[in-house]
Amino acid sequence: MPLIKAKQLRELDDEQLELTLKETQEKLFRLRLQSETERLEAPSEIVAARKTIARILTIRRERELERAGADR
């Protein structure tokens, strides 16, 4: 899984962002399982998946704070 840029993630709506988060979390789970049971072809994929998850969670939090600020 290639690293997804924050700019690309920000272009997604909330629903697409949640779907991408779930897919990336599942991918990370499979990669971790694979790394324990057999040789992993590219260990850097785990790092990329973790970074993508962190970016998605950051963008989700930013949007949450924007909404809270708009409600005031």
C-alpha atoms as a PDB file:
ATOM      1  CA  MET A   1       0.000   0.000   0.000  1.00  0.00           C
ATOM      2  CA  PRO A   2       1.552   3.271  -1.044  1.00  0.00           C
ATOM      3  CA  LEU A   3       1.636   6.130   1.398  1.00  0.00           C
ATOM      4  CA  ILE A   4      -1.387   8.372   0.857  1.00  0.00           C
ATOM      5  CA  LYS A   5      -0.651  12.085   1.010  1.00  0.00           C
ATOM      6  CA  ALA A   6      -2.587  14.286   3.434  1.00  0.00           C
ATOM      7  CA  LYS A   7      -3.720  16.477   0.540  1.00  0.00           C
ATOM      8  CA  GLN A   8      -5.390  13.475  -1.118  1.00  0.00           C
ATOM      9  CA  LEU A   9      -7.061  12.495   2.153  1.00  0.00           C
ATOM     10  CA  ARG A  10      -8.377  16.015   2.753  1.00  0.00           C
ATOM     11  CA  GLU A  11     -10.152  15.871  -0.616  1.00  0.00           C
ATOM     12  CA  LEU A  12     -12.251  12.919   0.585  1.00  0.00           C
ATOM     13  CA  ASP A  13     -15.569  13.424   2.321  1.00  0.00           C
ATOM     14  CA  ASP A  14     -16.166  12.012   5.819  1.00  0.00           C
ATOM     15  CA  GLU A  15     -17.709   8.776   4.571  1.00  0.00           C
ATOM     16  CA  GLN A  16     -14.855   8.039   2.157  1.00  0.00           C
ATOM     17  CA  LEU A  17     -12.333   8.913   4.872  1.00  0.00           C
ATOM     18  CA  GLU A  18     -13.923   6.412   7.280  1.00  0.00           C
ATOM     19  CA  LEU A  19     -13.920   3.732   4.586  1.00  0.00           C
ATOM     20  CA  THR A  20     -10.240   4.389   3.837  1.00  0.00           C
ATOM     21  CA  LEU A  21      -9.476   4.201   7.570  1.00  0.00           C
ATOM     22  CA  LYS A  22     -11.192   0.822   7.928  1.00  0.00           C
ATOM     23  CA  GLU A  23      -9.461  -0.567   4.831  1.00  0.00           C
ATOM     24  CA  THR A  24      -6.065   0.633   6.033  1.00  0.00           C
ATOM     25  CA  GLN A  25      -6.603  -0.806   9.513  1.00  0.00           C
ATOM     26  CA  GLU A  26      -7.542  -4.172   7.997  1.00  0.00           C
ATOM     27  CA  LYS A  27      -4.473  -4.023   5.755  1.00  0.00           C
ATOM     28  CA  LEU A  28      -2.260  -3.266   8.773  1.00  0.00           C
ATOM     29  CA  PHE A  29      -3.770  -6.207  10.649  1.00  0.00           C
ATOM     30  CA  ARG A  30      -3.055  -8.552   7.730  1.00  0.00           C
ATOM     31  CA  LEU A  31       0.494  -7.209   7.413  1.00  0.00           C
ATOM     32  CA  ARG A  32       1.180  -7.738  11.119  1.00  0.00           C
ATOM     33  CA  LEU A  33      -0.235 -11.245  10.936  1.00  0.00           C
ATOM     34  CA  GLN A  34       1.867 -11.970   7.876  1.00  0.00           C
ATOM     35  CA  SER A  35       5.007 -10.625   9.560  1.00  0.00           C
ATOM     36  CA  GLU A  36       4.471 -13.021  12.478  1.00  0.00           C
ATOM     37  CA  THR A  37       3.661 -16.118  10.444  1.00  0.00           C
ATOM     38  CA  GLU A  38       5.860 -15.735   7.379  1.00  0.00           C
ATOM     39  CA  ARG A  39       8.368 -13.442   5.786  1.00  0.00           C
ATOM     40  CA  LEU A  40       7.037 -10.047   4.867  1.00  0.00           C
ATOM     41  CA  GLU A  41       8.094  -8.885   1.403  1.00  0.00           C
ATOM     42  CA  ALA A  42       8.221  -5.202   2.280  1.00  0.00           C
ATOM     43  CA  PRO A  43       8.313  -4.360   6.009  1.00  0.00           C
ATOM     44  CA  SER A  44       8.023  -0.696   5.038  1.00  0.00           C
ATOM     45  CA  GLU A  45       4.367  -1.376   4.191  1.00  0.00           C
ATOM     46  CA  ILE A  46       3.611  -1.587   7.926  1.00  0.00           C
ATOM     47  CA  VAL A  47       5.167   1.848   8.464  1.00  0.00           C
ATOM     48  CA  ALA A  48       3.241   3.299   5.509  1.00  0.00           C
ATOM     49  CA  ALA A  49      -0.067   1.886   6.787  1.00  0.00           C
ATOM     50  CA  ARG A  50       0.543   3.290  10.277  1.00  0.00           C
ATOM     51  CA  LYS A  51       1.349   6.728   8.856  1.00  0.00           C
ATOM     52  CA  THR A  52      -1.770   6.679   6.695  1.00  0.00           C
ATOM     53  CA  ILE A  53      -3.912   5.768   9.717  1.00  0.00           C
ATOM     54  CA  ALA A  54      -2.339   8.602  11.724  1.00  0.00           C
ATOM     55  CA  ARG A  55      -3.009  11.066   8.920  1.00  0.00           C
ATOM     56  CA  ILE A  56      -6.643   9.996   8.637  1.00  0.00           C
ATOM     57  CA  LEU A  57      -7.178  10.295  12.382  1.00  0.00           C
ATOM     58  CA  THR A  58      -5.570  13.750  12.369  1.00  0.00           C
ATOM     59  CA  ILE A  59      -7.787  14.968   9.533  1.00  0.00           C
ATOM     60  CA  ARG A  60     -10.851  13.506  11.238  1.00  0.00           C
ATOM     61  CA  ARG A  61      -9.960  15.362  14.458  1.00  0.00           C
ATOM     62  CA  GLU A  62      -9.346  18.617  12.561  1.00  0.00           C
ATOM     63  CA  ARG A  63     -12.811  18.367  11.012  1.00  0.00           C
ATOM     64  CA  GLU A  64     -14.337  17.582  14.394  1.00  0.00           C
ATOM     65  CA  LEU A  65     -12.723  20.700  15.899  1.00  0.00           C
ATOM     66  CA  GLU A  66     -13.845  22.819  12.931  1.00  0.00           C
ATOM     67  CA  ARG A  67     -17.433  21.687  13.465  1.00  0.00           C
ATOM     68  CA  ALA A  68     -17.207  22.398  17.204  1.00  0.00           C
ATOM     69  CA  GLY A  69     -15.808  25.859  16.487  1.00  0.00           C
ATOM     70  CA  ALA A  70     -18.556  26.591  13.977  1.00  0.00           C
ATOM     71  CA  ASP A  71     -21.236  25.636  16.519  1.00  0.00           C
ATOM     72  CA  ARG A  72     -20.154  28.353  18.950  1.00  0.00           C
END
